[in-house]
Amino acid sequence: MIEADSLRQKLTRLNLKTMAQHLDPVLDEARQKNQSTVAVLMRLAELEIEHRWLAAIKLRYTQSKLPDRVSIDQFDFHHHNTRSEQKESILALLDLGFLRKHMDVILIGNPGTGKTFLAQCIALAACNANFKVLFTTAMDMINHLIAAEADHSLLKKLQHYQSPDLLVVDLC
């Protein structure tokens, strides 16, 4: 058990905290199932990768400044005929192919048609796929750019708006 404690400390020093945290249960399971050393290491590595992926997604969501966690399941496609007609196109946006192809999407419609809701759904899907997302309103963006120009940090602020993989600007 001293070896396991020493290994746990080394894993922690290497910043492999999830591996260190799950070391004992994984070793116990390996003993019960007569698993190899490689199987133990694979399981620990899988746990570490999964933990880091989930942490990255959580960070992406926090950085996105999305006001709400909304899902396409909450969108009523039968509310209006145009929603029903565009359902396939809307759902296709959620696969994020446009991001991989570096394409732009502009949602156009009358007030109350669900543009902001759909944009938030797409942005959340992008966060969950570990894309860098930023949600802002046009008014906030303009105000920040004017303030940045006044304090001579305009280039830095422009970089802030150019750096995300997906920038959602709501006109509300």
C-alpha atoms as a PDB file:
ATOM      1  CA  MET A   1       0.000   0.000   0.000  1.00  0.00           C
ATOM      2  CA  ILE A   2       2.997   2.279   0.492  1.00  0.00           C
ATOM      3  CA  GLU A   3       3.699   1.959  -3.253  1.00  0.00           C
ATOM      4  CA  ALA A   4       0.130   3.020  -4.049  1.00  0.00           C
ATOM      5  CA  ASP A   5       0.458   6.045  -1.761  1.00  0.00           C
ATOM      6  CA  SER A   6       3.732   6.984  -3.403  1.00  0.00           C
ATOM      7  CA  LEU A   7       2.191   6.578  -6.859  1.00  0.00           C
ATOM      8  CA  ARG A   8      -0.807   8.689  -5.822  1.00  0.00           C
ATOM      9  CA  GLN A   9       1.517  11.480  -4.681  1.00  0.00           C
ATOM     10  CA  LYS A  10       3.443  11.344  -7.963  1.00  0.00           C
ATOM     11  CA  LEU A  11       0.243  11.413  -9.983  1.00  0.00           C
ATOM     12  CA  THR A  12      -0.885  14.452  -8.011  1.00  0.00           C
ATOM     13  CA  ARG A  13       2.467  16.176  -8.583  1.00  0.00           C
ATOM     14  CA  LEU A  14       2.080  15.490 -12.301  1.00  0.00           C
ATOM     15  CA  ASN A  15      -1.331  17.155 -12.117  1.00  0.00           C
ATOM     16  CA  LEU A  16      -3.111  13.850 -12.834  1.00  0.00           C
ATOM     17  CA  LYS A  17      -5.501  14.355  -9.962  1.00  0.00           C
ATOM     18  CA  THR A  18      -8.341  12.253 -11.339  1.00  0.00           C
ATOM     19  CA  MET A  19      -5.979   9.315 -11.806  1.00  0.00           C
ATOM     20  CA  ALA A  20      -4.751   9.775  -8.256  1.00  0.00           C
ATOM     21  CA  GLN A  21      -8.300  10.013  -6.920  1.00  0.00           C
ATOM     22  CA  HIS A  22      -9.456   6.808  -8.656  1.00  0.00           C
ATOM     23  CA  LEU A  23      -6.283   4.784  -8.114  1.00  0.00           C
ATOM     24  CA  ASP A  24      -7.563   2.580  -5.271  1.00  0.00           C
ATOM     25  CA  PRO A  25     -10.930   1.652  -6.820  1.00  0.00           C
ATOM     26  CA  VAL A  26      -9.320   0.891 -10.182  1.00  0.00           C
ATOM     27  CA  LEU A  27      -6.621  -1.239  -8.540  1.00  0.00           C
ATOM     28  CA  ASP A  28      -9.266  -3.098  -6.521  1.00  0.00           C
ATOM     29  CA  GLU A  29     -11.306  -3.751  -9.649  1.00  0.00           C
ATOM     30  CA  ALA A  30      -8.183  -4.930 -11.485  1.00  0.00           C
ATOM     31  CA  ARG A  31      -7.364  -7.413  -8.697  1.00  0.00           C
ATOM     32  CA  GLN A  32     -10.932  -8.780  -8.730  1.00  0.00           C
ATOM     33  CA  LYS A  33     -10.998  -9.163 -12.520  1.00  0.00           C
ATOM     34  CA  ASN A  34      -7.339 -10.238 -12.877  1.00  0.00           C
ATOM     35  CA  GLN A  35      -6.626  -7.338 -15.214  1.00  0.00           C
ATOM     36  CA  SER A  36      -3.189  -6.486 -16.540  1.00  0.00           C
ATOM     37  CA  THR A  37      -1.131  -3.441 -15.625  1.00  0.00           C
ATOM     38  CA  VAL A  38      -1.850  -1.995 -19.050  1.00  0.00           C
ATOM     39  CA  ALA A  39      -5.601  -2.350 -18.446  1.00  0.00           C
ATOM     40  CA  VAL A  40      -5.241  -0.491 -15.137  1.00  0.00           C
ATOM     41  CA  LEU A  41      -3.268   2.305 -16.765  1.00  0.00           C
ATOM     42  CA  MET A  42      -5.765   2.503 -19.650  1.00  0.00           C
ATOM     43  CA  ARG A  43      -8.674   2.820 -17.218  1.00  0.00           C
ATOM     44  CA  LEU A  44      -6.915   5.523 -15.191  1.00  0.00           C
ATOM     45  CA  ALA A  45      -5.998   7.407 -18.372  1.00  0.00           C
ATOM     46  CA  GLU A  46      -9.617   7.179 -19.606  1.00  0.00           C
ATOM     47  CA  LEU A  47     -10.866   8.623 -16.314  1.00  0.00           C
ATOM     48  CA  GLU A  48      -8.345  11.474 -16.516  1.00  0.00           C
ATOM     49  CA  ILE A  49      -9.260  12.263 -20.127  1.00  0.00           C
ATOM     50  CA  GLU A  50     -12.984  12.213 -19.345  1.00  0.00           C
ATOM     51  CA  HIS A  51     -12.512  14.512 -16.351  1.00  0.00           C
ATOM     52  CA  ARG A  52     -10.450  16.978 -18.394  1.00  0.00           C
ATOM     53  CA  TRP A  53     -12.987  16.936 -21.233  1.00  0.00           C
ATOM     54  CA  LEU A  54     -15.851  17.697 -18.845  1.00  0.00           C
ATOM     55  CA  ALA A  55     -13.809  20.449 -17.180  1.00  0.00           C
ATOM     56  CA  ALA A  56     -13.028  21.968 -20.589  1.00  0.00           C
ATOM     57  CA  ILE A  57     -16.711  21.964 -21.543  1.00  0.00           C
ATOM     58  CA  LYS A  58     -17.635  23.585 -18.242  1.00  0.00           C
ATOM     59  CA  LEU A  59     -14.976  26.257 -18.823  1.00  0.00           C
ATOM     60  CA  ARG A  60     -16.192  26.848 -22.406  1.00  0.00           C
ATOM     61  CA  TYR A  61     -19.737  27.375 -21.115  1.00  0.00           C
ATOM     62  CA  THR A  62     -18.577  29.795 -18.422  1.00  0.00           C
ATOM     63  CA  GLN A  63     -16.479  31.765 -20.901  1.00  0.00           C
ATOM     64  CA  SER A  64     -19.303  31.868 -23.449  1.00  0.00           C
ATOM     65  CA  LYS A  65     -21.387  34.285 -21.338  1.00  0.00           C
ATOM     66  CA  LEU A  66     -24.544  32.475 -22.457  1.00  0.00           C
ATOM     67  CA  PRO A  67     -27.490  33.776 -20.431  1.00  0.00           C
ATOM     68  CA  ASP A  68     -29.344  30.444 -20.341  1.00  0.00           C
ATOM     69  CA  ARG A  69     -28.837  26.743 -20.964  1.00  0.00           C
ATOM     70  CA  VAL A  70     -31.445  26.052 -23.584  1.00  0.00           C
ATOM     71  CA  SER A  71     -32.028  22.931 -25.610  1.00  0.00           C
ATOM     72  CA  ILE A  72     -33.524  22.429 -29.035  1.00  0.00           C
ATOM     73  CA  ASP A  73     -35.974  20.058 -27.309  1.00  0.00           C
ATOM     74  CA  GLN A  74     -37.606  23.162 -25.824  1.00  0.00           C
ATOM     75  CA  PHE A  75     -38.128  24.793 -29.245  1.00  0.00           C
ATOM     76  CA  ASP A  76     -41.685  24.577 -30.560  1.00  0.00           C
ATOM     77  CA  PHE A  77     -41.363  23.913 -34.289  1.00  0.00           C
ATOM     78  CA  HIS A  78     -45.157  23.983 -34.673  1.00  0.00           C
ATOM     79  CA  HIS A  79     -45.519  27.532 -33.306  1.00  0.00           C
ATOM     80  CA  HIS A  80     -45.358  28.975 -36.802  1.00  0.00           C
ATOM     81  CA  ASN A  81     -45.318  27.569 -40.348  1.00  0.00           C
ATOM     82  CA  THR A  82     -41.877  28.974 -41.118  1.00  0.00           C
ATOM     83  CA  ARG A  83     -40.441  27.085 -38.142  1.00  0.00           C
ATOM     84  CA  SER A  84     -41.850  23.823 -39.476  1.00  0.00           C
ATOM     85  CA  GLU A  85     -40.586  24.568 -42.976  1.00  0.00           C
ATOM     86  CA  GLN A  86     -37.073  25.340 -41.727  1.00  0.00           C
ATOM     87  CA  LYS A  87     -36.845  22.477 -39.200  1.00  0.00           C
ATOM     88  CA  GLU A  88     -34.308  20.413 -41.166  1.00  0.00           C
ATOM     89  CA  SER A  89     -32.096  23.456 -41.808  1.00  0.00           C
ATOM     90  CA  ILE A  90     -32.248  24.442 -38.156  1.00  0.00           C
ATOM     91  CA  LEU A  91     -31.403  20.944 -36.929  1.00  0.00           C
ATOM     92  CA  ALA A  92     -28.540  20.750 -39.443  1.00  0.00           C
ATOM     93  CA  LEU A  93     -26.941  23.779 -37.779  1.00  0.00           C
ATOM     94  CA  LEU A  94     -26.680  21.822 -34.518  1.00  0.00           C
ATOM     95  CA  ASP A  95     -24.172  19.412 -36.061  1.00  0.00           C
ATOM     96  CA  LEU A  96     -21.811  22.423 -36.225  1.00  0.00           C
ATOM     97  CA  GLY A  97     -20.553  21.630 -39.720  1.00  0.00           C
ATOM     98  CA  PHE A  98     -20.578  25.344 -40.485  1.00  0.00           C
ATOM     99  CA  LEU A  99     -18.015  25.902 -37.706  1.00  0.00           C
ATOM    100  CA  ARG A 100     -15.718  23.198 -39.038  1.00  0.00           C
ATOM    101  CA  LYS A 101     -15.981  24.792 -42.490  1.00  0.00           C
ATOM    102  CA  HIS A 102     -15.418  28.307 -41.036  1.00  0.00           C
ATOM    103  CA  MET A 103     -18.744  29.551 -42.393  1.00  0.00           C
ATOM    104  CA  ASP A 104     -20.997  32.267 -41.006  1.00  0.00           C
ATOM    105  CA  VAL A 105     -24.661  31.878 -40.106  1.00  0.00           C
ATOM    106  CA  ILE A 106     -27.095  34.758 -39.866  1.00  0.00           C
ATOM    107  CA  LEU A 107     -30.522  34.137 -38.385  1.00  0.00           C
ATOM    108  CA  ILE A 108     -33.069  36.514 -39.896  1.00  0.00           C
ATOM    109  CA  GLY A 109     -36.708  36.867 -38.940  1.00  0.00           C
ATOM    110  CA  ASN A 110     -39.360  38.969 -37.319  1.00  0.00           C
ATOM    111  CA  PRO A 111     -39.306  39.622 -33.567  1.00  0.00           C
ATOM    112  CA  GLY A 112     -40.467  36.625 -31.554  1.00  0.00           C
ATOM    113  CA  THR A 113     -39.589  33.981 -34.119  1.00  0.00           C
ATOM    114  CA  GLY A 114     -36.955  32.346 -31.915  1.00  0.00           C
ATOM    115  CA  LYS A 115     -33.705  33.651 -33.379  1.00  0.00           C
ATOM    116  CA  THR A 116     -32.080  34.285 -30.001  1.00  0.00           C
ATOM    117  CA  PHE A 117     -33.263  30.941 -28.647  1.00  0.00           C
ATOM    118  CA  LEU A 118     -31.861  29.077 -31.659  1.00  0.00           C
ATOM    119  CA  ALA A 119     -28.592  30.989 -31.462  1.00  0.00           C
ATOM    120  CA  GLN A 120     -28.271  29.993 -27.809  1.00  0.00           C
ATOM    121  CA  CYS A 121     -29.003  26.347 -28.673  1.00  0.00           C
ATOM    122  CA  ILE A 122     -26.309  26.374 -31.335  1.00  0.00           C
ATOM    123  CA  ALA A 123     -23.873  28.119 -28.987  1.00  0.00           C
ATOM    124  CA  LEU A 124     -24.504  25.554 -26.247  1.00  0.00           C
ATOM    125  CA  ALA A 125     -23.964  22.728 -28.735  1.00  0.00           C
ATOM    126  CA  ALA A 126     -20.661  24.363 -29.704  1.00  0.00           C
ATOM    127  CA  CYS A 127     -19.627  24.633 -26.033  1.00  0.00           C
ATOM    128  CA  ASN A 128     -20.460  20.954 -25.545  1.00  0.00           C
ATOM    129  CA  ALA A 129     -18.250  20.145 -28.538  1.00  0.00           C
ATOM    130  CA  ASN A 130     -15.436  22.139 -26.869  1.00  0.00           C
ATOM    131  CA  PHE A 131     -15.520  25.069 -29.291  1.00  0.00           C
ATOM    132  CA  LYS A 132     -14.725  28.502 -27.898  1.00  0.00           C
ATOM    133  CA  VAL A 133     -17.954  30.550 -27.888  1.00  0.00           C
ATOM    134  CA  LEU A 134     -18.826  34.131 -26.985  1.00  0.00           C
ATOM    135  CA  PHE A 135     -22.400  35.407 -26.684  1.00  0.00           C
ATOM    136  CA  THR A 136     -22.990  39.145 -26.603  1.00  0.00           C
ATOM    137  CA  THR A 137     -25.550  41.708 -27.610  1.00  0.00           C
ATOM    138  CA  ALA A 138     -24.834  44.182 -30.380  1.00  0.00           C
ATOM    139  CA  MET A 139     -25.288  47.080 -27.962  1.00  0.00           C
ATOM    140  CA  ASP A 140     -22.800  45.633 -25.439  1.00  0.00           C
ATOM    141  CA  MET A 141     -20.314  44.954 -28.199  1.00  0.00           C
ATOM    142  CA  ILE A 142     -20.555  48.484 -29.564  1.00  0.00           C
ATOM    143  CA  ASN A 143     -20.265  50.005 -26.084  1.00  0.00           C
ATOM    144  CA  HIS A 144     -17.199  47.881 -25.315  1.00  0.00           C
ATOM    145  CA  LEU A 145     -15.563  48.806 -28.613  1.00  0.00           C
ATOM    146  CA  ILE A 146     -16.231  52.534 -28.075  1.00  0.00           C
ATOM    147  CA  ALA A 147     -14.796  52.315 -24.547  1.00  0.00           C
ATOM    148  CA  ALA A 148     -11.786  50.380 -25.853  1.00  0.00           C
ATOM    149  CA  GLU A 149     -11.147  53.026 -28.472  1.00  0.00           C
ATOM    150  CA  ALA A 150     -11.262  55.698 -25.789  1.00  0.00           C
ATOM    151  CA  ASP A 151      -8.707  53.931 -23.592  1.00  0.00           C
ATOM    152  CA  HIS A 152      -6.518  52.897 -26.565  1.00  0.00           C
ATOM    153  CA  SER A 153      -7.158  49.160 -26.183  1.00  0.00           C
ATOM    154  CA  LEU A 154      -9.249  48.758 -29.321  1.00  0.00           C
ATOM    155  CA  LEU A 155      -6.950  46.182 -30.935  1.00  0.00           C
ATOM    156  CA  LYS A 156      -7.073  44.034 -27.817  1.00  0.00           C
ATOM    157  CA  LYS A 157     -10.876  44.258 -27.675  1.00  0.00           C
ATOM    158  CA  LEU A 158     -11.161  43.431 -31.380  1.00  0.00           C
ATOM    159  CA  GLN A 159      -9.002  40.361 -30.749  1.00  0.00           C
ATOM    160  CA  HIS A 160     -11.377  39.421 -27.919  1.00  0.00           C
ATOM    161  CA  TYR A 161     -14.266  39.354 -30.396  1.00  0.00           C
ATOM    162  CA  GLN A 162     -12.242  37.597 -33.115  1.00  0.00           C
ATOM    163  CA  SER A 163     -10.799  34.820 -30.958  1.00  0.00           C
ATOM    164  CA  PRO A 164     -13.886  32.629 -30.380  1.00  0.00           C
ATOM    165  CA  ASP A 165     -14.718  29.860 -32.824  1.00  0.00           C
ATOM    166  CA  LEU A 166     -18.334  31.049 -32.609  1.00  0.00           C
ATOM    167  CA  LEU A 167     -19.346  34.641 -31.931  1.00  0.00           C
ATOM    168  CA  VAL A 168     -23.071  35.121 -31.344  1.00  0.00           C
ATOM    169  CA  VAL A 169     -24.209  38.730 -31.585  1.00  0.00           C
ATOM    170  CA  ASP A 170     -27.826  39.223 -30.564  1.00  0.00           C
ATOM    171  CA  LEU A 171     -29.512  42.360 -31.859  1.00  0.00           C
ATOM    172  CA  CYS A 172     -32.198  42.405 -29.141  1.00  0.00           C
END
